[in-house]
Amino acid sequence: MTQDDNTGKPWAGRFTEATDRFVEAFSASVYFDKRLYRYDVEASIAHARMLAHVGLLEDDEYQAIEKGLLEIKNDIEHGDFAWLVELEDVHMNIEARLTERIGVAGKKLHTGRSRNDQVATDMRLYLRDEIDQIRGELRRLQDALLDIAEREAETILPGFTHLQVAQPVTFGHHMLAWHEMLRRDDERLGDCRRRVNVMPLGAAALAGTSYPIDRAYTARLLGFERIAENSLDAVSDRDFIIEFIGCAALIMTHLSRFSEELILWASAQFGFIELSDRYCTGSSIMPQKKNPDIPELVRGKTGRVNGHLVALLTLMKAQPLAYNKDNQEDKEPLFDTVDTLKGCLRIFADMMPAMEINKKRMLAAAHQGFATATDLADYLVRRGVPFRDAHEVVGKAVRYGLDNGKDLADMSLEELRQFSSHIEADVFDVLTLSGSVAARNHLGGTAPEQVRAAVQRARAGI
């Protein structure tokens, strides 16, 4: 066969035999990397403008390239662009169409660059935008949680450890715990974005280029904060993708924890909340069922994102410098992570404000399980009883309550005094649920006053 069998491929000159058709399809990435088209066009225009800036393109050539690329972008967005598998990827498809449209000037666009630094640049531009959108959805969910926390600052429910009743807390305080997780997530994404916003363009294939390019000029055009310092690392680095998916895995883990609680709370056994019908489904056989499918799906999708993280770490673990074809496998895990995370955050931000809260069920549950036992122990300590002795006294009182079907607050003073003579009539001030939560009136505590203050600080970005 002759090299004409590879007609259209920019690397055809060295080859005398056509690419096997199955190999062509197997190795092509255009099926999925075509979603980078906007960033490929943006980076190509900036690169062409830089080439004209340093005198490697005539001004009319640059103008033709820019006009042609914008027309191609428009064609793609209107469904008038035919993606060809034989052209392998988004870059070669766009470049080939550009050359077909404007002639020789299109062939000059690739001067001073390689697909290696081109794809690395496109991916960073893409991820930079996606991080901004994800943070927007994250903050929308945070705002929803703050609204609930402020509204439910005095709503009492049992706090759990080991899924056993531990101490009473306010529902607002519980929502603020979720908010704190998301605050850390937002901070991590912001930090990740700084490392994403580094420009590899100009590294070419791996060693840089002999052309007199101006990388700082290109970086300014594309809004990059820094320029990749080492050409070998610039084209082979995928840390920024792994770091992002790591951040995404943590966010999904948090959403999964939220989901688990929502699923429990929505069950008949808890009955703390009711999710809106818009976010639930029924059973095909049991007409009474209202299934919390959305939280369950989010919980399930967490494993999907965690899997992508492991896949990317494994992808990179044995690669020598510089670029290797393995790196083509970075895109589908990244794209799916972005889509999954954005969808989960969006639906949570919509679902939470529509949630109904059953305050009576929460309060009734808090009356079970001796939730104020620690308050009684603290009361005795303030009366001079060593904590370990106080712990034992309260343990005996709880045992008595279990045997007689009484909560601590339901016992008479005489019943309580049989366990310690230090107990006086004022003990009932600390045995009430409202008294218990109000007593935790310090920074980070569950007291309603502290919940409202925490909401205000969060809204002020403090």
Protein backbone atom coordinates (compact mmCIF):
# COMPACT_ATOMS: atom_id res chain seq x y z
CA MET A 1 0.00 0.00 0.00
CA THR A 2 1.09 3.58 -0.47
CA GLN A 3 0.95 6.49 1.88
CA ASP A 4 -2.08 7.69 -0.05
CA ASP A 5 -4.00 5.09 1.95
CA ASN A 6 -3.50 7.38 4.96
CA THR A 7 -4.68 10.45 3.10
CA GLY A 8 -5.86 13.16 5.46
CA LYS A 9 -3.66 12.13 8.37
CA PRO A 10 -1.07 14.81 9.13
CA TRP A 11 1.53 12.17 10.04
CA ALA A 12 1.08 10.14 6.81
CA GLY A 13 4.49 11.00 5.32
CA ARG A 14 6.43 8.39 7.24
CA PHE A 15 4.01 5.51 6.53
CA THR A 16 3.71 3.18 3.56
CA GLU A 17 0.77 1.13 4.82
CA ALA A 18 -2.72 2.18 5.80
CA THR A 19 -3.91 1.95 9.39
CA ASP A 20 -5.97 -1.14 10.01
CA ARG A 21 -9.63 -0.13 10.14
CA PHE A 22 -10.25 -1.79 13.48
CA VAL A 23 -7.09 -0.23 14.91
CA GLU A 24 -8.29 3.12 13.62
CA ALA A 25 -11.60 2.79 15.44
CA PHE A 26 -9.99 1.24 18.53
CA SER A 27 -7.49 4.06 18.98
CA ALA A 28 -9.72 6.98 18.03
CA SER A 29 -10.81 9.34 20.80
CA VAL A 30 -13.09 11.58 18.78
CA TYR A 31 -16.11 9.68 20.12
CA PHE A 32 -15.64 11.38 23.47
CA ASP A 33 -13.06 14.15 23.16
CA LYS A 34 -15.21 16.10 20.72
CA ARG A 35 -16.79 17.72 23.76
CA LEU A 36 -13.54 19.71 24.04
CA TYR A 37 -14.22 21.51 20.75
CA ARG A 38 -14.88 24.94 22.30
CA TYR A 39 -11.60 24.84 24.17
CA ASP A 40 -9.71 23.52 21.16
CA VAL A 41 -10.99 26.44 19.10
CA GLU A 42 -10.25 28.94 21.89
CA ALA A 43 -6.70 27.69 22.40
CA SER A 44 -6.06 27.49 18.64
CA ILE A 45 -7.14 31.08 18.11
CA ALA A 46 -4.87 32.22 20.94
CA HIS A 47 -1.99 30.18 19.50
CA ALA A 48 -2.53 31.65 16.03
CA ARG A 49 -2.70 35.14 17.44
CA MET A 50 0.61 34.54 19.23
CA LEU A 51 2.17 33.24 16.00
CA ALA A 52 1.12 36.46 14.27
CA HIS A 53 2.38 38.48 17.25
CA VAL A 54 5.89 37.03 16.88
CA GLY A 55 5.87 37.22 13.07
CA LEU A 56 5.36 33.53 12.25
CA LEU A 57 2.00 34.25 10.59
CA GLU A 58 0.93 37.11 8.37
CA ASP A 59 -1.93 39.13 9.73
CA ASP A 60 -4.25 38.05 6.93
CA GLU A 61 -3.37 34.41 7.66
CA TYR A 62 -4.25 34.88 11.32
CA GLN A 63 -7.52 36.58 10.39
CA ALA A 64 -8.42 33.69 8.07
CA ILE A 65 -7.59 31.15 10.79
CA GLU A 66 -9.64 32.93 13.43
CA LYS A 67 -12.62 33.38 11.09
CA GLY A 68 -12.42 29.77 9.94
CA LEU A 69 -12.22 28.40 13.49
CA LEU A 70 -15.18 30.45 14.66
CA GLU A 71 -17.20 29.22 11.69
CA ILE A 72 -16.28 25.63 12.54
CA LYS A 73 -17.32 26.20 16.16
CA ASN A 74 -20.64 27.52 14.91
CA ASP A 75 -21.07 24.50 12.63
CA ILE A 76 -20.42 22.12 15.51
CA GLU A 77 -22.91 23.88 17.75
CA HIS A 78 -25.58 23.71 15.04
CA GLY A 79 -24.94 20.05 14.26
CA ASP A 80 -23.43 20.78 10.85
CA PHE A 81 -20.03 19.19 11.47
CA ALA A 82 -19.19 15.61 10.50
CA TRP A 83 -16.76 14.01 12.96
CA LEU A 84 -14.50 11.52 11.16
CA VAL A 85 -13.06 8.55 13.03
CA GLU A 86 -10.17 8.31 10.59
CA LEU A 87 -9.03 11.74 11.81
CA GLU A 88 -8.71 10.25 15.29
CA ASP A 89 -9.52 13.15 17.61
CA VAL A 90 -11.09 16.55 18.07
CA HIS A 91 -7.85 18.34 17.18
CA MET A 92 -7.25 16.73 13.81
CA ASN A 93 -10.91 16.92 12.85
CA ILE A 94 -10.98 20.66 13.43
CA GLU A 95 -7.60 21.29 11.82
CA ALA A 96 -8.49 19.24 8.75
CA ARG A 97 -11.77 21.09 8.31
CA LEU A 98 -9.97 24.41 8.77
CA THR A 99 -7.44 23.58 6.04
CA GLU A 100 -10.23 22.42 3.77
CA ARG A 101 -11.98 25.73 4.34
CA ILE A 102 -9.15 28.29 4.20
CA GLY A 103 -6.34 26.47 2.41
CA VAL A 104 -2.62 26.79 3.11
CA ALA A 105 -3.03 29.12 6.10
CA GLY A 106 -4.80 26.27 7.92
CA LYS A 107 -1.70 24.11 7.57
CA LYS A 108 0.35 26.75 9.42
CA LEU A 109 -1.79 26.69 12.57
CA HIS A 110 0.14 23.79 14.10
CA THR A 111 3.47 25.62 13.90
CA GLY A 112 5.21 25.48 17.27
CA ARG A 113 2.83 23.09 18.96
CA SER A 114 1.98 19.39 19.19
CA ARG A 115 -1.18 17.50 19.95
CA ASN A 116 0.55 16.67 23.24
CA ASP A 117 0.55 20.23 24.57
CA GLN A 118 -2.64 21.01 22.67
CA VAL A 119 -4.74 18.39 24.45
CA ALA A 120 -3.19 19.21 27.82
CA THR A 121 -4.20 22.85 27.28
CA ASP A 122 -7.73 21.97 26.17
CA MET A 123 -8.22 19.75 29.21
CA ARG A 124 -7.10 22.47 31.59
CA LEU A 125 -9.37 25.06 29.97
CA TYR A 126 -12.27 22.63 30.13
CA LEU A 127 -11.69 21.65 33.76
CA ARG A 128 -11.20 25.26 34.84
CA ASP A 129 -14.67 26.11 33.55
CA GLU A 130 -16.24 23.00 35.02
CA ILE A 131 -14.76 23.67 38.46
CA ASP A 132 -16.35 27.12 38.39
CA GLN A 133 -19.74 25.62 37.52
CA ILE A 134 -19.42 22.89 40.15
CA ARG A 135 -18.55 25.43 42.83
CA GLY A 136 -21.66 27.36 41.84
CA GLU A 137 -23.84 24.28 42.44
CA LEU A 138 -21.96 23.53 45.64
CA ARG A 139 -22.67 27.00 46.97
CA ARG A 140 -26.32 26.74 45.98
CA LEU A 141 -26.58 23.62 48.15
CA GLN A 142 -24.73 25.38 50.97
CA ASP A 143 -27.22 28.25 50.83
CA ALA A 144 -30.12 25.80 51.02
CA LEU A 145 -28.60 24.19 54.11
CA LEU A 146 -28.09 27.58 55.75
CA ASP A 147 -31.73 28.48 55.15
CA ILE A 148 -32.86 25.23 56.77
CA ALA A 149 -30.43 25.66 59.66
CA GLU A 150 -31.72 29.14 60.44
CA ARG A 151 -35.35 28.09 60.20
CA GLU A 152 -34.83 24.98 62.36
CA ALA A 153 -32.44 26.47 64.91
CA GLU A 154 -34.69 25.36 67.79
CA THR A 155 -35.96 22.06 66.36
CA ILE A 156 -34.71 19.22 68.56
CA LEU A 157 -33.84 15.72 67.43
CA PRO A 158 -31.59 13.02 68.87
CA GLY A 159 -27.94 13.17 67.98
CA PHE A 160 -26.45 9.76 67.36
CA THR A 161 -23.16 7.96 67.79
CA HIS A 162 -22.99 4.35 66.62
CA LEU A 163 -26.56 5.07 65.41
CA GLN A 164 -27.58 4.99 69.06
CA VAL A 165 -29.22 7.95 70.78
CA ALA A 166 -26.40 10.01 72.29
CA GLN A 167 -27.43 13.60 73.13
CA PRO A 168 -30.08 15.99 71.88
CA VAL A 169 -29.06 18.41 69.17
CA THR A 170 -30.90 20.91 67.03
CA PHE A 171 -31.74 20.15 63.43
CA GLY A 172 -30.17 23.46 62.47
CA HIS A 173 -26.93 22.33 64.07
CA HIS A 174 -27.07 19.09 62.12
CA MET A 175 -27.51 20.98 58.83
CA LEU A 176 -24.53 23.14 59.72
CA ALA A 177 -22.43 19.98 60.09
CA TRP A 178 -23.26 19.17 56.48
CA HIS A 179 -22.46 22.75 55.54
CA GLU A 180 -19.01 22.47 57.11
CA MET A 181 -18.23 19.42 54.98
CA LEU A 182 -19.21 21.34 51.85
CA ARG A 183 -17.20 24.37 52.97
CA ARG A 184 -14.08 22.21 52.99
CA ASP A 185 -15.05 20.80 49.60
CA ASP A 186 -15.35 24.29 48.15
CA GLU A 187 -11.96 25.26 49.57
CA ARG A 188 -10.37 22.14 48.08
CA LEU A 189 -11.84 22.89 44.66
CA GLY A 190 -10.57 26.46 44.82
CA ASP A 191 -7.11 25.21 45.67
CA CYS A 192 -7.29 22.58 42.92
CA ARG A 193 -8.31 25.23 40.38
CA ARG A 194 -5.05 27.11 40.96
CA ARG A 195 -3.08 24.06 39.89
CA VAL A 196 -5.40 23.47 36.95
CA ASN A 197 -4.86 27.03 35.75
CA VAL A 198 -1.31 26.42 34.47
CA MET A 199 -0.58 26.62 30.73
CA PRO A 200 1.26 23.75 29.03
CA LEU A 201 0.96 25.22 25.51
CA GLY A 202 4.39 25.82 24.02
CA ALA A 203 5.85 22.62 25.43
CA ALA A 204 5.15 21.09 22.00
CA ALA A 205 5.70 17.32 21.87
CA LEU A 206 8.02 17.15 24.88
CA ALA A 207 11.08 19.38 24.46
CA GLY A 208 9.65 22.76 23.53
CA THR A 209 10.05 24.32 20.09
CA SER A 210 12.76 26.07 18.13
CA TYR A 211 10.33 28.75 16.97
CA PRO A 212 10.46 32.13 18.76
CA ILE A 213 7.12 31.72 20.54
CA ASP A 214 5.86 33.98 23.31
CA ARG A 215 4.24 31.73 25.91
CA ALA A 216 3.50 34.60 28.30
CA TYR A 217 1.48 36.31 25.56
CA THR A 218 -0.55 33.14 24.94
CA ALA A 219 -1.10 32.64 28.67
CA ARG A 220 -2.53 36.14 28.99
CA LEU A 221 -4.90 35.53 26.08
CA LEU A 222 -6.19 32.32 27.68
CA GLY A 223 -6.36 33.62 31.24
CA PHE A 224 -3.78 31.23 32.70
CA GLU A 225 -2.19 32.34 35.96
CA ARG A 226 1.07 30.49 35.39
CA ILE A 227 3.04 28.80 32.63
CA ALA A 228 4.23 25.21 32.98
CA GLU A 229 7.97 25.46 33.67
CA ASN A 230 9.14 22.12 32.29
CA SER A 231 8.14 20.90 28.83
CA LEU A 232 8.46 17.19 29.72
CA ASP A 233 6.18 17.55 32.71
CA ALA A 234 3.81 19.92 30.92
CA VAL A 235 2.71 17.35 28.33
CA SER A 236 2.67 14.31 30.62
CA ASP A 237 1.20 15.74 33.83
CA ARG A 238 -2.27 14.53 34.71
CA ASP A 239 -2.01 15.34 38.42
CA PHE A 240 -4.54 18.12 37.98
CA ILE A 241 -7.15 15.63 36.77
CA ILE A 242 -6.41 13.16 39.54
CA GLU A 243 -6.55 15.92 42.13
CA PHE A 244 -9.90 17.12 40.81
CA ILE A 245 -11.37 13.62 40.83
CA GLY A 246 -10.03 13.21 44.37
CA CYS A 247 -11.90 16.37 45.36
CA ALA A 248 -14.98 15.05 43.56
CA ALA A 249 -14.74 11.72 45.37
CA LEU A 250 -14.74 13.53 48.72
CA ILE A 251 -17.75 15.63 47.72
CA MET A 252 -19.57 12.51 46.61
CA THR A 253 -18.64 10.80 49.87
CA HIS A 254 -20.22 13.70 51.74
CA LEU A 255 -23.33 13.59 49.57
CA SER A 256 -23.48 9.85 50.18
CA ARG A 257 -23.41 10.41 53.94
CA PHE A 258 -26.16 13.01 53.59
CA SER A 259 -28.11 10.52 51.48
CA GLU A 260 -27.79 7.80 54.09
CA GLU A 261 -29.26 10.05 56.75
CA LEU A 262 -32.08 11.23 54.49
CA ILE A 263 -32.94 7.62 53.66
CA LEU A 264 -33.04 6.69 57.34
CA TRP A 265 -34.97 9.79 58.34
CA ALA A 266 -37.55 9.25 55.59
CA SER A 267 -38.25 5.68 56.71
CA ALA A 268 -41.39 4.78 58.69
CA GLN A 269 -39.17 3.79 61.61
CA PHE A 270 -37.77 7.32 61.91
CA GLY A 271 -40.35 9.51 60.17
CA PHE A 272 -38.25 12.64 60.74
CA ILE A 273 -38.66 14.01 57.21
CA GLU A 274 -40.66 13.57 54.05
CA LEU A 275 -39.01 14.15 50.71
CA SER A 276 -41.04 15.87 48.03
CA ASP A 277 -42.86 13.56 45.64
CA ARG A 278 -40.80 15.15 42.86
CA TYR A 279 -37.72 13.35 44.16
CA CYS A 280 -39.22 9.94 44.93
CA THR A 281 -40.75 7.03 43.06
CA GLY A 282 -43.24 4.30 43.86
CA SER A 283 -43.26 0.53 43.67
CA SER A 284 -44.62 -1.46 40.73
CA ILE A 285 -46.20 -3.96 43.14
CA MET A 286 -46.58 -2.27 46.55
CA PRO A 287 -48.88 0.73 46.27
CA GLN A 288 -47.99 2.15 49.68
CA LYS A 289 -44.31 2.65 48.86
CA LYS A 290 -42.59 6.02 48.46
CA ASN A 291 -38.98 5.27 47.69
CA PRO A 292 -36.16 7.80 48.27
CA ASP A 293 -34.61 6.97 44.91
CA ILE A 294 -32.62 10.18 44.51
CA PRO A 295 -30.60 9.84 47.73
CA GLU A 296 -30.13 6.16 46.93
CA LEU A 297 -28.84 6.97 43.44
CA VAL A 298 -26.47 9.60 44.77
CA ARG A 299 -25.18 7.11 47.32
CA GLY A 300 -24.66 4.59 44.50
CA LYS A 301 -22.97 7.05 42.17
CA THR A 302 -20.34 7.70 44.81
CA GLY A 303 -18.79 4.33 44.01
CA ARG A 304 -18.67 5.33 40.36
CA VAL A 305 -16.59 8.43 41.09
CA ASN A 306 -14.37 6.56 43.54
CA GLY A 307 -13.74 4.04 40.76
CA HIS A 308 -12.66 6.80 38.39
CA LEU A 309 -10.14 8.01 40.96
CA VAL A 310 -8.60 4.56 41.25
CA ALA A 311 -8.62 4.20 37.46
CA LEU A 312 -6.67 7.44 36.95
CA LEU A 313 -4.16 6.65 39.68
CA THR A 314 -3.60 3.26 38.06
CA LEU A 315 -3.36 4.84 34.60
CA MET A 316 -0.49 7.07 35.66
CA LYS A 317 1.40 4.83 38.07
CA ALA A 318 3.86 3.28 35.59
CA GLN A 319 4.18 5.84 32.81
CA PRO A 320 7.66 6.98 31.84
CA LEU A 321 8.14 10.56 30.66
CA ALA A 322 6.84 12.08 28.52
CA TYR A 323 3.46 11.68 26.79
CA ASN A 324 2.07 8.17 26.22
CA LYS A 325 -1.06 7.02 24.44
CA ASP A 326 -2.31 5.69 27.80
CA ASN A 327 -3.28 9.26 28.57
CA GLN A 328 -6.10 9.07 26.08
CA GLU A 329 -7.86 7.09 28.81
CA ASP A 330 -7.96 10.11 31.12
CA LYS A 331 -10.89 11.79 29.42
CA GLU A 332 -13.85 9.47 29.88
CA PRO A 333 -13.33 9.12 33.66
CA LEU A 334 -12.94 12.90 33.94
CA PHE A 335 -15.98 13.70 31.80
CA ASP A 336 -18.14 11.19 33.67
CA THR A 337 -16.95 12.50 37.04
CA VAL A 338 -17.83 16.05 36.05
CA ASP A 339 -21.26 15.05 34.77
CA THR A 340 -22.02 12.87 37.80
CA LEU A 341 -20.89 15.43 40.35
CA LYS A 342 -22.73 18.33 38.74
CA GLY A 343 -25.92 16.31 38.49
CA CYS A 344 -25.79 15.15 42.10
CA LEU A 345 -25.11 18.63 43.46
CA ARG A 346 -27.84 20.16 41.34
CA ILE A 347 -30.48 17.68 42.43
CA PHE A 348 -29.51 17.98 46.11
CA ALA A 349 -29.66 21.78 45.93
CA ASP A 350 -33.17 21.49 44.47
CA MET A 351 -34.35 18.69 46.76
CA MET A 352 -33.34 20.02 50.18
CA PRO A 353 -35.53 23.16 50.26
CA ALA A 354 -38.57 21.03 49.33
CA MET A 355 -38.05 18.63 52.24
CA GLU A 356 -40.73 18.58 54.96
CA ILE A 357 -39.61 18.23 58.56
CA ASN A 358 -41.64 16.36 61.19
CA LYS A 359 -40.70 18.19 64.38
CA LYS A 360 -43.00 16.11 66.57
CA ARG A 361 -41.39 12.84 65.50
CA MET A 362 -37.94 14.27 66.03
CA LEU A 363 -38.83 15.50 69.50
CA ALA A 364 -40.47 12.21 70.46
CA ALA A 365 -37.37 10.31 69.31
CA ALA A 366 -35.15 12.59 71.37
CA HIS A 367 -37.15 11.61 74.47
CA GLN A 368 -36.10 8.02 73.90
CA GLY A 369 -32.71 6.57 74.71
CA PHE A 370 -31.90 8.73 77.78
CA ALA A 371 -30.51 11.55 75.63
CA THR A 372 -29.91 13.80 78.68
CA ALA A 373 -27.85 11.25 80.63
CA THR A 374 -24.64 13.22 80.02
CA ASP A 375 -26.39 16.36 81.28
CA LEU A 376 -27.16 14.59 84.55
CA ALA A 377 -23.53 13.52 84.85
CA ASP A 378 -22.37 17.10 84.20
CA TYR A 379 -24.85 18.32 86.80
CA LEU A 380 -23.30 16.00 89.42
CA VAL A 381 -19.78 17.10 88.48
CA ARG A 382 -20.77 20.71 89.06
CA ARG A 383 -21.97 19.53 92.49
CA GLY A 384 -18.49 18.24 93.30
CA VAL A 385 -18.88 14.60 92.28
CA PRO A 386 -15.83 13.24 90.36
CA PHE A 387 -16.79 12.55 86.75
CA ARG A 388 -16.17 8.80 86.92
CA ASP A 389 -18.37 8.53 90.00
CA ALA A 390 -21.01 10.67 88.31
CA HIS A 391 -20.83 8.41 85.27
CA GLU A 392 -21.53 5.37 87.45
CA VAL A 393 -24.43 7.08 89.22
CA VAL A 394 -26.11 7.98 85.96
CA GLY A 395 -25.51 4.52 84.56
CA LYS A 396 -27.44 3.07 87.52
CA ALA A 397 -30.22 5.61 87.00
CA VAL A 398 -30.46 4.60 83.33
CA ARG A 399 -30.64 0.95 84.32
CA TYR A 400 -33.49 1.79 86.68
CA GLY A 401 -35.23 3.68 83.90
CA LEU A 402 -34.91 0.75 81.51
CA ASP A 403 -36.36 -1.62 84.11
CA ASN A 404 -39.26 0.69 84.89
CA GLY A 405 -39.95 2.20 81.47
CA LYS A 406 -39.07 5.76 82.51
CA ASP A 407 -36.83 8.41 80.97
CA LEU A 408 -34.64 10.39 83.38
CA ALA A 409 -36.86 13.46 83.03
CA ASP A 410 -39.91 11.33 83.93
CA MET A 411 -38.49 10.17 87.24
CA SER A 412 -39.46 11.87 90.49
CA LEU A 413 -36.90 13.67 92.61
CA GLU A 414 -37.11 10.87 95.15
CA GLU A 415 -36.39 8.27 92.50
CA LEU A 416 -33.33 10.19 91.31
CA ARG A 417 -32.02 10.84 94.83
CA GLN A 418 -31.78 7.13 95.53
CA PHE A 419 -28.74 7.18 93.26
CA SER A 420 -27.07 10.32 94.68
CA SER A 421 -27.82 12.70 97.54
CA HIS A 422 -26.26 15.50 95.48
CA ILE A 423 -29.34 15.64 93.27
CA GLU A 424 -31.72 18.50 94.10
CA ALA A 425 -34.93 19.89 92.61
CA ASP A 426 -33.05 22.04 90.09
CA VAL A 427 -31.91 18.87 88.33
CA PHE A 428 -34.96 19.02 86.09
CA ASP A 429 -33.62 22.21 84.49
CA VAL A 430 -30.89 20.12 82.85
CA LEU A 431 -32.94 17.01 82.17
CA THR A 432 -35.25 18.74 79.69
CA LEU A 433 -34.27 18.53 76.03
CA SER A 434 -34.51 22.27 75.52
CA GLY A 435 -32.36 22.87 78.59
CA SER A 436 -29.80 20.39 77.32
CA VAL A 437 -29.34 22.03 73.92
CA ALA A 438 -29.46 25.54 75.37
CA ALA A 439 -26.62 24.63 77.74
CA ARG A 440 -24.28 24.02 74.78
CA ASN A 441 -24.04 27.76 74.23
CA HIS A 442 -20.48 28.14 72.97
CA LEU A 443 -18.83 28.50 69.58
CA GLY A 444 -19.57 25.30 67.68
CA GLY A 445 -22.26 24.20 70.11
CA THR A 446 -25.80 23.11 69.31
CA ALA A 447 -27.61 25.89 71.21
CA PRO A 448 -30.10 27.79 69.02
CA GLU A 449 -28.26 31.04 69.68
CA GLN A 450 -25.04 29.51 68.40
CA VAL A 451 -26.75 28.00 65.36
CA ARG A 452 -28.09 31.39 64.30
CA ALA A 453 -24.70 33.01 64.86
CA ALA A 454 -22.98 30.31 62.81
CA VAL A 455 -25.44 30.85 59.95
CA GLN A 456 -24.66 34.56 59.92
CA ARG A 457 -20.92 33.91 59.91
CA ALA A 458 -21.27 31.44 57.05
CA ARG A 459 -23.33 33.89 55.00
CA ALA A 460 -20.73 36.56 55.61
CA GLY A 461 -18.00 34.18 54.48
CA ILE A 462 -16.29 34.19 57.85
